[in-house]
PDB file of N, CA and C in Angstrom:
ATOM      1  N   THR A   1      76.544  95.309  91.637  1.00  0.00           N
ATOM      2  CA  THR A   1      76.418  96.945  92.064  1.00  0.00           C
ATOM      3  C   THR A   1      78.020  98.135  91.151  1.00  0.00           C
ATOM      4  N   ILE A   2      77.504  99.512  92.419  1.00  0.00           N
ATOM      5  CA  ILE A   2      79.371  99.807  91.032  1.00  0.00           C
ATOM      6  C   ILE A   2      79.039  99.647  93.001  1.00  0.00           C
ATOM      7  N   ALA A   3      79.059  99.348  94.155  1.00  0.00           N
ATOM      8  CA  ALA A   3      79.284  99.663  95.456  1.00  0.00           C
ATOM      9  C   ALA A   3      80.592  98.298  94.872  1.00  0.00           C
ATOM     10  N   ASP A   4      81.023  96.895  93.825  1.00  0.00           N
ATOM     11  CA  ASP A   4      81.628  95.944  94.520  1.00  0.00           C
ATOM     12  C   ASP A   4      82.721  96.508  92.436  1.00  0.00           C
ATOM     13  N   ARG A   5      82.678  97.845  92.646  1.00  0.00           N
ATOM     14  CA  ARG A   5      82.917  97.667  91.509  1.00  0.00           C
ATOM     15  C   ARG A   5      84.613  98.611  91.618  1.00  0.00           C
ATOM     16  N   VAL A   6      85.425  98.048  90.332  1.00  0.00           N
ATOM     17  CA  VAL A   6      86.607  99.590  91.220  1.00  0.00           C
ATOM     18  C   VAL A   6      86.759 100.592  90.007  1.00  0.00           C
ATOM     19  N   ILE A   7      87.241 101.286  90.541  1.00  0.00           N
ATOM     20  CA  ILE A   7      86.879 102.557  88.582  1.00  0.00           C
ATOM     21  C   ILE A   7      88.323 103.332  88.925  1.00  0.00           C
ATOM     22  N   CYS A   8      88.634 103.316  87.438  1.00  0.00           N
ATOM     23  CA  CYS A   8      89.844 103.634  88.122  1.00  0.00           C
ATOM     24  C   CYS A   8      90.409 104.936  86.495  1.00  0.00           C
ATOM     25  N   ILE A   9      90.342 106.510  87.035  1.00  0.00           N
ATOM     26  CA  ILE A   9      90.393 107.326  86.361  1.00  0.00           C
ATOM     27  C   ILE A   9      92.395 107.722  86.358  1.00  0.00           C
ATOM     28  N   ILE A  10      92.195 107.758  85.207  1.00  0.00           N
ATOM     29  CA  ILE A  10      93.587 108.289  84.111  1.00  0.00           C
ATOM     30  C   ILE A  10      93.765 110.119  83.620  1.00  0.00           C
ATOM     31  N   GLY A  11      93.939 110.651  84.566  1.00  0.00           N
ATOM     32  CA  GLY A  11      94.360 112.276  84.132  1.00  0.00           C
ATOM     33  C   GLY A  11      93.828 112.499  85.231  1.00  0.00           C
ATOM     34  N   ILE A  12      93.838 112.548  86.570  1.00  0.00           N
ATOM     35  CA  ILE A  12      93.720 113.289  87.959  1.00  0.00           C
ATOM     36  C   ILE A  12      93.829 114.537  88.176  1.00  0.00           C
ATOM     37  N   THR A  13      94.628 115.319  87.162  1.00  0.00           N
ATOM     38  CA  THR A  13      95.235 116.778  87.778  1.00  0.00           C
ATOM     39  C   THR A  13      94.373 116.939  86.706  1.00  0.00           C
ATOM     40  N   GLY A  14      93.803 116.693  85.708  1.00  0.00           N
ATOM     41  CA  GLY A  14      93.223 118.029  84.817  1.00  0.00           C
ATOM     42  C   GLY A  14      91.818 118.259  85.604  1.00  0.00           C
ATOM     43  N   TYR A  15      91.366 119.179  84.485  1.00  0.00           N
ATOM     44  CA  TYR A  15      90.106 119.737  85.204  1.00  0.00           C
ATOM     45  C   TYR A  15      88.847 118.726  85.356  1.00  0.00           C
ATOM     46  N   LYS A  16      88.709 118.005  83.556  1.00  0.00           N
ATOM     47  CA  LYS A  16      87.783 116.493  84.422  1.00  0.00           C
ATOM     48  C   LYS A  16      88.582 116.102  85.555  1.00  0.00           C
ATOM     49  N   GLY A  17      88.994 115.393  85.115  1.00  0.00           N
ATOM     50  CA  GLY A  17      89.617 114.673  85.422  1.00  0.00           C
ATOM     51  C   GLY A  17      89.406 114.356  87.756  1.00  0.00           C
ATOM     52  N   ARG A  18      89.039 115.538  88.357  1.00  0.00           N
ATOM     53  CA  ARG A  18      90.222 115.739  88.745  1.00  0.00           C
ATOM     54  C   ARG A  18      87.948 116.199  89.317  1.00  0.00           C
ATOM     55  N   ASN A  19      87.553 116.857  88.676  1.00  0.00           N
ATOM     56  CA  ASN A  19      86.398 116.549  89.407  1.00  0.00           C
ATOM     57  C   ASN A  19      85.139 116.036  89.282  1.00  0.00           C
ATOM     58  N   ILE A  20      85.519 114.604  88.851  1.00  0.00           N
ATOM     59  CA  ILE A  20      85.445 112.937  88.214  1.00  0.00           C
ATOM     60  C   ILE A  20      85.792 111.927  89.358  1.00  0.00           C
ATOM     61  N   LEU A  21      87.291 112.321  89.604  1.00  0.00           N
ATOM     62  CA  LEU A  21      87.712 112.082  91.073  1.00  0.00           C
ATOM     63  C   LEU A  21      86.496 112.007  92.860  1.00  0.00           C
ATOM     64  N   MET A  22      87.042 113.874  92.300  1.00  0.00           N
ATOM     65  CA  MET A  22      85.959 115.072  93.974  1.00  0.00           C
ATOM     66  C   MET A  22      84.095 114.521  93.839  1.00  0.00           C
ATOM     67  N   ALA A  23      83.750 113.580  92.568  1.00  0.00           N
ATOM     68  CA  ALA A  23      82.297 113.373  92.928  1.00  0.00           C
ATOM     69  C   ALA A  23      82.987 111.787  93.398  1.00  0.00           C
ATOM     70  N   LEU A  24      83.201 111.161  92.810  1.00  0.00           N
ATOM     71  CA  LEU A  24      83.536 109.607  93.218  1.00  0.00           C
ATOM     72  C   LEU A  24      84.553 109.950  95.327  1.00  0.00           C
ATOM     73  N   GLU A  25      84.513 110.058  95.180  1.00  0.00           N
ATOM     74  CA  GLU A  25      84.787 110.568  97.094  1.00  0.00           C
ATOM     75  C   GLU A  25      83.859 110.792  97.496  1.00  0.00           C
ATOM     76  N   LYS A  26      83.109 112.081  96.316  1.00  0.00           N
ATOM     77  CA  LYS A  26      81.714 111.657  97.830  1.00  0.00           C
ATOM     78  C   LYS A  26      80.397 110.980  97.639  1.00  0.00           C
ATOM     79  N   ASP A  27      81.325 110.235  96.872  1.00  0.00           N
ATOM     80  CA  ASP A  27      79.745 108.826  96.171  1.00  0.00           C
ATOM     81  C   ASP A  27      79.409 108.152  97.312  1.00  0.00           C
ATOM     82  N   PRO A  28      78.660 107.989  98.048  1.00  0.00           N
ATOM     83  CA  PRO A  28      78.779 106.935  99.592  1.00  0.00           C
ATOM     84  C   PRO A  28      78.831 105.093  98.731  1.00  0.00           C
ATOM     85  N   ARG A  29      78.234 105.016  97.446  1.00  0.00           N
ATOM     86  CA  ARG A  29      78.150 103.960  96.745  1.00  0.00           C
ATOM     87  C   ARG A  29      79.561 103.404  96.077  1.00  0.00           C
ATOM     88  N   VAL A  30      80.359 104.788  96.128  1.00  0.00           N
ATOM     89  CA  VAL A  30      81.185 103.993  95.267  1.00  0.00           C
ATOM     90  C   VAL A  30      82.373 104.019  96.394  1.00  0.00           C
ATOM     91  N   LYS A  31      83.260 102.367  96.361  1.00  0.00           N
ATOM     92  CA  LYS A  31      84.084 101.395  98.227  1.00  0.00           C
ATOM     93  C   LYS A  31      85.847 101.803  97.278  1.00  0.00           C
ATOM     94  N   GLN A  32      85.885 102.183  96.515  1.00  0.00           N
ATOM     95  CA  GLN A  32      87.288 101.865  95.769  1.00  0.00           C
ATOM     96  C   GLN A  32      87.296 102.884  94.492  1.00  0.00           C
ATOM     97  N   ILE A  33      88.278 104.102  94.175  1.00  0.00           N
ATOM     98  CA  ILE A  33      89.109 104.953  93.065  1.00  0.00           C
ATOM     99  C   ILE A  33      90.187 104.181  93.296  1.00  0.00           C
ATOM    100  N   ILE A  34      91.080 104.370  92.156  1.00  0.00           N
ATOM    101  CA  ILE A  34      92.095 104.315  90.962  1.00  0.00           C
ATOM    102  C   ILE A  34      92.986 104.674  90.436  1.00  0.00           C
ATOM    103  N   ALA A  35      93.287 106.174  91.566  1.00  0.00           N
ATOM    104  CA  ALA A  35      94.175 107.195  90.509  1.00  0.00           C
ATOM    105  C   ALA A  35      95.931 106.991  89.554  1.00  0.00           C
ATOM    106  N   ILE A  36      95.633 108.019  88.040  1.00  0.00           N
ATOM    107  CA  ILE A  36      96.908 107.044  87.963  1.00  0.00           C
ATOM    108  C   ILE A  36      96.965 109.169  86.599  1.00  0.00           C
ATOM    109  N   ASP A  37      97.807 109.393  87.677  1.00  0.00           N
ATOM    110  CA  ASP A  37      98.902 110.396  86.510  1.00  0.00           C
ATOM    111  C   ASP A  37      99.587 110.832  86.415  1.00  0.00           C
ATOM    112  N   ARG A  38     100.933 111.058  85.830  1.00  0.00           N
ATOM    113  CA  ARG A  38     101.753 111.764  86.096  1.00  0.00           C
ATOM    114  C   ARG A  38     102.251 112.626  87.351  1.00  0.00           C
ATOM    115  N   LYS A  39     101.302 112.760  88.497  1.00  0.00           N
ATOM    116  CA  LYS A  39     101.987 113.782  89.269  1.00  0.00           C
ATOM    117  C   LYS A  39     100.472 113.432  90.480  1.00  0.00           C
ATOM    118  N   LYS A  40     100.918 113.859  91.559  1.00  0.00           N
ATOM    119  CA  LYS A  40     100.284 113.099  92.876  1.00  0.00           C
ATOM    120  C   LYS A  40      99.020 114.609  92.863  1.00  0.00           C
ATOM    121  N   PRO A  41      97.654 114.357  93.650  1.00  0.00           N
ATOM    122  CA  PRO A  41      97.009 115.439  93.197  1.00  0.00           C
ATOM    123  C   PRO A  41      97.077 116.653  94.532  1.00  0.00           C
ATOM    124  N   ASN A  42      96.713 117.705  95.047  1.00  0.00           N
ATOM    125  CA  ASN A  42      97.384 117.679  95.636  1.00  0.00           C
ATOM    126  C   ASN A  42      95.835 118.482  96.960  1.00  0.00           C
ATOM    127  N   PHE A  43      95.118 117.653  96.555  1.00  0.00           N
ATOM    128  CA  PHE A  43      94.529 117.713  97.221  1.00  0.00           C
ATOM    129  C   PHE A  43      94.281 115.972  97.859  1.00  0.00           C
ATOM    130  N   GLN A  44      93.489 116.204  99.236  1.00  0.00           N
ATOM    131  CA  GLN A  44      92.660 114.948 100.283  1.00  0.00           C
ATOM    132  C   GLN A  44      92.627 113.703  99.590  1.00  0.00           C
ATOM    133  N   THR A  45      92.669 113.090  99.165  1.00  0.00           N
ATOM    134  CA  THR A  45      92.108 111.792  99.013  1.00  0.00           C
ATOM    135  C   THR A  45      91.623 110.358 100.380  1.00  0.00           C
ATOM    136  N   LYS A  46      90.501 109.653 100.320  1.00  0.00           N
ATOM    137  CA  LYS A  46      89.796 109.229 101.822  1.00  0.00           C
ATOM    138  C   LYS A  46      90.140 106.884 100.845  1.00  0.00           C
ATOM    139  N   LYS A  47      89.296 107.074  99.628  1.00  0.00           N
ATOM    140  CA  LYS A  47      88.451 106.090  98.699  1.00  0.00           C
ATOM    141  C   LYS A  47      90.023 105.889  97.500  1.00  0.00           C
ATOM    142  N   THR A  48      90.869 106.272  97.468  1.00  0.00           N
ATOM    143  CA  THR A  48      91.695 106.410  96.250  1.00  0.00           C
ATOM    144  C   THR A  48      93.102 105.709  96.871  1.00  0.00           C
ATOM    145  N   LYS A  49      93.702 104.674  95.465  1.00  0.00           N
ATOM    146  CA  LYS A  49      95.043 105.009  95.351  1.00  0.00           C
ATOM    147  C   LYS A  49      95.497 104.726  94.241  1.00  0.00           C
ATOM    148  N   PHE A  50      96.657 105.968  94.278  1.00  0.00           N
ATOM    149  CA  PHE A  50      97.288 106.554  93.161  1.00  0.00           C
ATOM    150  C   PHE A  50      99.229 105.819  93.135  1.00  0.00           C
ATOM    151  N   TYR A  51      98.873 105.461  91.830  1.00  0.00           N
ATOM    152  CA  TYR A  51      99.869 105.270  90.808  1.00  0.00           C
ATOM    153  C   TYR A  51     100.589 106.600  89.727  1.00  0.00           C
ATOM    154  N   ARG A  52     101.872 106.982  89.788  1.00  0.00           N
ATOM    155  CA  ARG A  52     102.291 107.493  88.747  1.00  0.00           C
ATOM    156  C   ARG A  52     102.650 106.451  87.848  1.00  0.00           C
ATOM    157  N   LEU A  53     102.148 107.233  86.514  1.00  0.00           N
ATOM    158  CA  LEU A  53     102.709 106.202  85.944  1.00  0.00           C
ATOM    159  C   LEU A  53     102.126 107.709  84.790  1.00  0.00           C
ATOM    160  N   SER A  54     103.074 107.996  83.873  1.00  0.00           N
ATOM    161  CA  SER A  54     102.567 108.377  82.601  1.00  0.00           C
ATOM    162  C   SER A  54     102.735 107.729  81.149  1.00  0.00           C
ATOM    163  N   LEU A  55     101.371 108.910  80.678  1.00  0.00           N
ATOM    164  CA  LEU A  55     101.430 107.758  79.031  1.00  0.00           C
ATOM    165  C   LEU A  55     102.436 107.912  77.987  1.00  0.00           C
ATOM    166  N   THR A  56     103.310 108.844  78.539  1.00  0.00           N
ATOM    167  CA  THR A  56     103.979 108.557  76.805  1.00  0.00           C
ATOM    168  C   THR A  56     106.353 107.745  77.662  1.00  0.00           C
ATOM    169  N   GLU A  57     105.639 107.263  78.683  1.00  0.00           N
ATOM    170  CA  GLU A  57     106.065 106.203  78.974  1.00  0.00           C
ATOM    171  C   GLU A  57     106.802 105.105  78.163  1.00  0.00           C
ATOM    172  N   THR A  58     107.806 104.459  77.702  1.00  0.00           N
ATOM    173  CA  THR A  58     107.951 103.641  76.791  1.00  0.00           C
ATOM    174  C   THR A  58     107.221 101.926  77.506  1.00  0.00           C
ATOM    175  N   LEU A  59     106.051 101.051  77.621  1.00  0.00           N
ATOM    176  CA  LEU A  59     106.063  99.896  78.246  1.00  0.00           C
ATOM    177  C   LEU A  59     104.461 100.358  79.345  1.00  0.00           C
ATOM    178  N   ALA A  60     103.972 101.982  78.762  1.00  0.00           N
ATOM    179  CA  ALA A  60     103.266 101.866  79.252  1.00  0.00           C
ATOM    180  C   ALA A  60     101.586 101.084  79.723  1.00  0.00           C
ATOM    181  N   ASP A  61     101.523 100.827  78.791  1.00  0.00           N
ATOM    182  CA  ASP A  61     100.137 100.007  78.735  1.00  0.00           C
ATOM    183  C   ASP A  61     100.343  98.490  79.125  1.00  0.00           C
ATOM    184  N   ALA A  62     102.142  97.915  79.191  1.00  0.00           N
ATOM    185  CA  ALA A  62     102.354  96.555  79.934  1.00  0.00           C
ATOM    186  C   ALA A  62     102.316  97.240  82.158  1.00  0.00           C
ATOM    187  N   SER A  63     102.694  98.031  81.741  1.00  0.00           N
ATOM    188  CA  SER A  63     102.239  98.153  83.814  1.00  0.00           C
ATOM    189  C   SER A  63     100.823  99.263  83.454  1.00  0.00           C
ATOM    190  N   LEU A  64      99.139  99.554  83.034  1.00  0.00           N
ATOM    191  CA  LEU A  64      98.751  99.278  83.217  1.00  0.00           C
ATOM    192  C   LEU A  64      97.480  98.653  83.359  1.00  0.00           C
ATOM    193  N   ALA A  65      97.741  97.605  82.543  1.00  0.00           N
ATOM    194  CA  ALA A  65      97.567  96.365  82.469  1.00  0.00           C
ATOM    195  C   ALA A  65      97.542  95.602  84.407  1.00  0.00           C
ATOM    196  N   GLU A  66      98.982  95.164  84.155  1.00  0.00           N
ATOM    197  CA  GLU A  66      99.746  95.195  85.530  1.00  0.00           C
ATOM    198  C   GLU A  66      98.638  95.398  86.668  1.00  0.00           C
ATOM    199  N   ILE A  67      98.437  97.109  86.753  1.00  0.00           N
ATOM    200  CA  ILE A  67      98.029  97.394  87.608  1.00  0.00           C
ATOM    201  C   ILE A  67      95.912  97.254  87.480  1.00  0.00           C
ATOM    202  N   PHE A  68      95.573  97.444  86.658  1.00  0.00           N
ATOM    203  CA  PHE A  68      94.335  96.865  85.888  1.00  0.00           C
ATOM    204  C   PHE A  68      94.090  96.149  86.753  1.00  0.00           C
ATOM    205  N   LYS A  69      94.647  94.400  85.962  1.00  0.00           N
ATOM    206  CA  LYS A  69      94.927  93.477  86.697  1.00  0.00           C
ATOM    207  C   LYS A  69      94.887  93.387  88.057  1.00  0.00           C
ATOM    208  N   ASN A  70      95.979  93.619  89.373  1.00  0.00           N
ATOM    209  CA  ASN A  70      96.064  93.194  90.344  1.00  0.00           C
ATOM    210  C   ASN A  70      95.471  94.458  91.212  1.00  0.00           C
ATOM    211  N   GLU A  71      94.297  95.166  91.113  1.00  0.00           N
ATOM    212  CA  GLU A  71      93.180  96.301  90.836  1.00  0.00           C
ATOM    213  C   GLU A  71      91.601  94.968  91.205  1.00  0.00           C
ATOM    214  N   LYS A  72      92.361  94.717  90.456  1.00  0.00           N
ATOM    215  CA  LYS A  72      90.592  94.351  89.252  1.00  0.00           C
ATOM    216  C   LYS A  72      89.561  95.255  89.162  1.00  0.00           C
ATOM    217  N   VAL A  73      90.097  96.019  88.822  1.00  0.00           N
ATOM    218  CA  VAL A  73      89.147  97.641  87.780  1.00  0.00           C
ATOM    219  C   VAL A  73      88.242  97.311  86.228  1.00  0.00           C
ATOM    220  N   HIS A  74      86.838  97.718  87.082  1.00  0.00           N
ATOM    221  CA  HIS A  74      85.941  96.638  86.411  1.00  0.00           C
ATOM    222  C   HIS A  74      85.952  97.496  85.294  1.00  0.00           C
ATOM    223  N   THR A  75      85.588  99.739  85.268  1.00  0.00           N
ATOM    224  CA  THR A  75      86.399 100.280  84.913  1.00  0.00           C
ATOM    225  C   THR A  75      86.745 101.951  84.284  1.00  0.00           C
ATOM    226  N   VAL A  76      87.066 102.161  83.610  1.00  0.00           N
ATOM    227  CA  VAL A  76      88.222 103.398  83.380  1.00  0.00           C
ATOM    228  C   VAL A  76      87.972 104.136  82.621  1.00  0.00           C
ATOM    229  N   VAL A  77      88.293 105.591  83.460  1.00  0.00           N
ATOM    230  CA  VAL A  77      87.704 106.976  82.879  1.00  0.00           C
ATOM    231  C   VAL A  77      88.898 107.272  81.899  1.00  0.00           C
ATOM    232  N   HIS A  78      89.472 107.687  81.353  1.00  0.00           N
ATOM    233  CA  HIS A  78      90.487 108.779  80.134  1.00  0.00           C
ATOM    234  C   HIS A  78      89.910 109.905  81.186  1.00  0.00           C
ATOM    235  N   THR A  79      90.458 110.565  80.982  1.00  0.00           N
ATOM    236  CA  THR A  79      90.412 111.633  81.360  1.00  0.00           C
ATOM    237  C   THR A  79      91.814 112.097  80.618  1.00  0.00           C
ATOM    238  N   ALA A  80      92.741 112.673  80.051  1.00  0.00           N
ATOM    239  CA  ALA A  80      94.048 112.269  80.280  1.00  0.00           C
ATOM    240  C   ALA A  80      94.638 113.111  79.089  1.00  0.00           C
ATOM    241  N   ILE A  81      93.721 113.843  78.904  1.00  0.00           N
ATOM    242  CA  ILE A  81      92.941 114.954  77.474  1.00  0.00           C
ATOM    243  C   ILE A  81      94.507 115.770  78.007  1.00  0.00           C
ATOM    244  N   PRO A  82      95.003 116.299  77.173  1.00  0.00           N
ATOM    245  CA  PRO A  82      95.648 118.106  76.551  1.00  0.00           C
ATOM    246  C   PRO A  82      95.219 118.922  77.355  1.00  0.00           C
ATOM    247  N   THR A  83      94.617 120.286  77.015  1.00  0.00           N
ATOM    248  CA  THR A  83      93.724 121.747  77.455  1.00  0.00           C
ATOM    249  C   THR A  83      93.774 121.638  76.939  1.00  0.00           C
ATOM    250  N   SER A  84      93.645 122.804  75.931  1.00  0.00           N
ATOM    251  CA  SER A  84      93.292 123.437  74.392  1.00  0.00           C
ATOM    252  C   SER A  84      94.273 124.956  75.237  1.00  0.00           C
ATOM    253  N   PRO A  85      94.055 125.213  74.167  1.00  0.00           N
ATOM    254  CA  PRO A  85      95.947 125.297  73.501  1.00  0.00           C
ATOM    255  C   PRO A  85      97.463 124.652  74.140  1.00  0.00           C
ATOM    256  N   PRO A  86      97.419 123.194  73.643  1.00  0.00           N
ATOM    257  CA  PRO A  86      98.394 122.766  73.629  1.00  0.00           C
ATOM    258  C   PRO A  86      99.542 123.369  74.041  1.00  0.00           C
ATOM    259  N   ARG A  87     100.476 122.603  75.331  1.00  0.00           N
ATOM    260  CA  ARG A  87     101.734 123.767  75.336  1.00  0.00           C
ATOM    261  C   ARG A  87     102.823 123.178  74.616  1.00  0.00           C
ATOM    262  N   SER A  88     103.370 121.540  74.041  1.00  0.00           N
ATOM    263  CA  SER A  88     103.315 120.999  73.354  1.00  0.00           C
ATOM    264  C   SER A  88     102.346 120.331  72.157  1.00  0.00           C
ATOM    265  N   THR A  89     102.740 119.945  70.776  1.00  0.00           N
ATOM    266  CA  THR A  89     102.226 119.450  70.271  1.00  0.00           C
ATOM    267  C   THR A  89     102.252 117.775  70.060  1.00  0.00           C
ATOM    268  N   SER A  90     103.799 118.049  70.530  1.00  0.00           N
ATOM    269  CA  SER A  90     104.459 117.000  70.584  1.00  0.00           C
ATOM    270  C   SER A  90     103.816 115.534  71.438  1.00  0.00           C
ATOM    271  N   LEU A  91     103.907 116.624  72.942  1.00  0.00           N
ATOM    272  CA  LEU A  91     103.551 116.236  73.246  1.00  0.00           C
ATOM    273  C   LEU A  91     101.939 115.836  73.868  1.00  0.00           C
ATOM    274  N   ALA A  92     101.069 116.615  72.390  1.00  0.00           N
ATOM    275  CA  ALA A  92      99.461 116.824  72.857  1.00  0.00           C
ATOM    276  C   ALA A  92      98.833 114.994  72.425  1.00  0.00           C
ATOM    277  N   HIS A  93     100.322 114.921  71.475  1.00  0.00           N
ATOM    278  CA  HIS A  93     100.839 113.595  69.654  1.00  0.00           C
ATOM    279  C   HIS A  93     100.389 112.623  71.004  1.00  0.00           C
ATOM    280  N   GLU A  94     101.672 112.727  71.229  1.00  0.00           N
ATOM    281  CA  GLU A  94     102.507 111.619  72.533  1.00  0.00           C
ATOM    282  C   GLU A  94     100.689 110.942  73.650  1.00  0.00           C
ATOM    283  N   VAL A  95      99.945 111.289  73.838  1.00  0.00           N
ATOM    284  CA  VAL A  95      99.064 111.249  75.073  1.00  0.00           C
ATOM    285  C   VAL A  95      97.171 111.067  74.608  1.00  0.00           C
ATOM    286  N   ILE A  96      98.278 111.564  73.574  1.00  0.00           N
ATOM    287  CA  ILE A  96      95.975 111.610  72.987  1.00  0.00           C
ATOM    288  C   ILE A  96      95.766 110.552  72.110  1.00  0.00           C
ATOM    289  N   SER A  97      97.345 110.524  70.937  1.00  0.00           N
ATOM    290  CA  SER A  97      97.175 109.220  70.451  1.00  0.00           C
ATOM    291  C   SER A  97      96.987 107.734  70.812  1.00  0.00           C
ATOM    292  N   VAL A  98      98.302 108.134  71.045  1.00  0.00           N
ATOM    293  CA  VAL A  98      99.587 106.990  71.674  1.00  0.00           C
ATOM    294  C   VAL A  98      99.111 106.089  73.195  1.00  0.00           C
ATOM    295  N   GLY A  99      99.682 107.649  73.343  1.00  0.00           N
ATOM    296  CA  GLY A  99      99.200 106.789  75.175  1.00  0.00           C
ATOM    297  C   GLY A  99      97.533 106.662  75.241  1.00  0.00           C
ATOM    298  N   THR A 100      96.555 106.935  74.388  1.00  0.00           N
ATOM    299  CA  THR A 100      95.259 106.474  74.874  1.00  0.00           C
ATOM    300  C   THR A 100      94.987 104.955  74.213  1.00  0.00           C
ATOM    301  N   MET A 101      95.692 104.722  72.843  1.00  0.00           N
ATOM    302  CA  MET A 101      95.842 103.798  72.268  1.00  0.00           C
ATOM    303  C   MET A 101      96.585 102.379  73.415  1.00  0.00           C
ATOM    304  N   TYR A 102      98.131 103.069  74.208  1.00  0.00           N
ATOM    305  CA  TYR A 102      98.149 101.636  75.530  1.00  0.00           C
ATOM    306  C   TYR A 102      97.148 101.792  76.477  1.00  0.00           C
ATOM    307  N   ILE A 103      96.343 102.926  76.477  1.00  0.00           N
ATOM    308  CA  ILE A 103      94.594 102.229  77.508  1.00  0.00           C
ATOM    309  C   ILE A 103      93.886 101.363  77.137  1.00  0.00           C
ATOM    310  N   CYS A 104      93.638 101.347  76.109  1.00  0.00           N
ATOM    311  CA  CYS A 104      92.745 100.705  74.628  1.00  0.00           C
ATOM    312  C   CYS A 104      93.962  99.231  75.606  1.00  0.00           C
ATOM    313  N   ASN A 105      94.817  99.588  74.745  1.00  0.00           N
ATOM    314  CA  ASN A 105      95.870  98.097  74.664  1.00  0.00           C
ATOM    315  C   ASN A 105      95.655  97.716  76.600  1.00  0.00           C
ATOM    316  N   ALA A 106      96.449  98.133  77.555  1.00  0.00           N
ATOM    317  CA  ALA A 106      95.611  97.525  79.570  1.00  0.00           C
ATOM    318  C   ALA A 106      94.929  96.672  79.228  1.00  0.00           C
ATOM    319  N   CYS A 107      93.216  97.311  79.500  1.00  0.00           N
ATOM    320  CA  CYS A 107      92.049  97.255  79.373  1.00  0.00           C
ATOM    321  C   CYS A 107      91.923  96.031  78.653  1.00  0.00           C
ATOM    322  N   VAL A 108      92.027  95.496  77.261  1.00  0.00           N
ATOM    323  CA  VAL A 108      91.604  94.939  76.540  1.00  0.00           C
ATOM    324  C   VAL A 108      92.120  93.716  77.385  1.00  0.00           C
ATOM    325  N   ASP A 109      93.584  93.003  77.488  1.00  0.00           N
ATOM    326  CA  ASP A 109      94.642  93.129  78.358  1.00  0.00           C
ATOM    327  C   ASP A 109      94.141  92.323  79.922  1.00  0.00           C
ATOM    328  N   ALA A 110      94.164  93.585  80.364  1.00  0.00           N
ATOM    329  CA  ALA A 110      93.871  93.460  81.673  1.00  0.00           C
ATOM    330  C   ALA A 110      92.095  92.071  81.753  1.00  0.00           C
ATOM    331  N   GLY A 111      90.636  92.659  81.268  1.00  0.00           N
ATOM    332  CA  GLY A 111      90.009  92.117  80.890  1.00  0.00           C
ATOM    333  C   GLY A 111      88.315  93.297  82.110  1.00  0.00           C
ATOM    334  N   VAL A 112      88.674  94.606  81.454  1.00  0.00           N
ATOM    335  CA  VAL A 112      87.973  95.790  81.766  1.00  0.00           C
ATOM    336  C   VAL A 112      87.302  95.965  81.049  1.00  0.00           C
ATOM    337  N   LYS A 113      85.645  95.598  81.808  1.00  0.00           N
ATOM    338  CA  LYS A 113      84.645  95.755  80.956  1.00  0.00           C
ATOM    339  C   LYS A 113      84.432  97.096  79.857  1.00  0.00           C
ATOM    340  N   LYS A 114      84.722  98.441  81.572  1.00  0.00           N
ATOM    341  CA  LYS A 114      84.163  99.696  80.181  1.00  0.00           C
ATOM    342  C   LYS A 114      85.647 100.275  80.436  1.00  0.00           C
ATOM    343  N   LEU A 115      85.817 101.676  78.911  1.00  0.00           N
ATOM    344  CA  LEU A 115      86.726 102.025  79.224  1.00  0.00           C
ATOM    345  C   LEU A 115      85.309 102.938  78.465  1.00  0.00           C
ATOM    346  N   ILE A 116      85.917 104.073  79.388  1.00  0.00           N
ATOM    347  CA  ILE A 116      84.991 105.638  79.020  1.00  0.00           C
ATOM    348  C   ILE A 116      86.283 106.565  78.636  1.00  0.00           C
ATOM    349  N   ILE A 117      86.118 107.098  77.831  1.00  0.00           N
ATOM    350  CA  ILE A 117      87.278 107.956  76.910  1.00  0.00           C
ATOM    351  C   ILE A 117      86.591 110.007  77.128  1.00  0.00           C
ATOM    352  N   SER A 118      87.779 110.308  77.479  1.00  0.00           N
ATOM    353  CA  SER A 118      87.005 112.198  77.774  1.00  0.00           C
ATOM    354  C   SER A 118      87.278 112.645  76.052  1.00  0.00           C
ATOM    355  N   SER A 119      86.716 113.974  76.102  1.00  0.00           N
ATOM    356  CA  SER A 119      87.426 114.541  74.952  1.00  0.00           C
ATOM    357  C   SER A 119      86.711 116.479  74.760  1.00  0.00           C
ATOM    358  N   THR A 120      86.934 116.486  74.534  1.00  0.00           N
ATOM    359  CA  THR A 120      87.368 118.063  73.884  1.00  0.00           C
ATOM    360  C   THR A 120      86.507 118.516  72.183  1.00  0.00           C
ATOM    361  N   THR A 121      85.924 120.192  72.110  1.00  0.00           N
ATOM    362  CA  THR A 121      85.256 119.875  71.086  1.00  0.00           C
ATOM    363  C   THR A 121      86.987 120.675  69.977  1.00  0.00           C
ATOM    364  N   ASP A 122      87.624 120.304  70.493  1.00  0.00           N
ATOM    365  CA  ASP A 122      89.143 120.846  70.081  1.00  0.00           C
ATOM    366  C   ASP A 122      89.118 120.538  68.779  1.00  0.00           C
TER     367      ASP A 122
END
């Protein structure tokens, strides 16, 4: 059941991630949420454990895999997609391409069962 699953959201300070996190916080079926971002959210959470991590860090995939394993993450939701237009195209490339690769590698390494990747129409 959903109550037995740990859900991890990456990119919680953006519009999509913040809204998904707030919805899961309100859902009584969800017992544990892991949130990963460069910045801590500017709102209170009750069921969420926060990890500060940038997808552009060297060895971010190893750090993610360790978090996923330690927290027994079942589902990862990747919402760390820069808004359009990005302030920095090089940072956007790092987060979108390299960051997503790191997340995929970490999911495989940690045995995550589901990966959901958000996108834009740009």
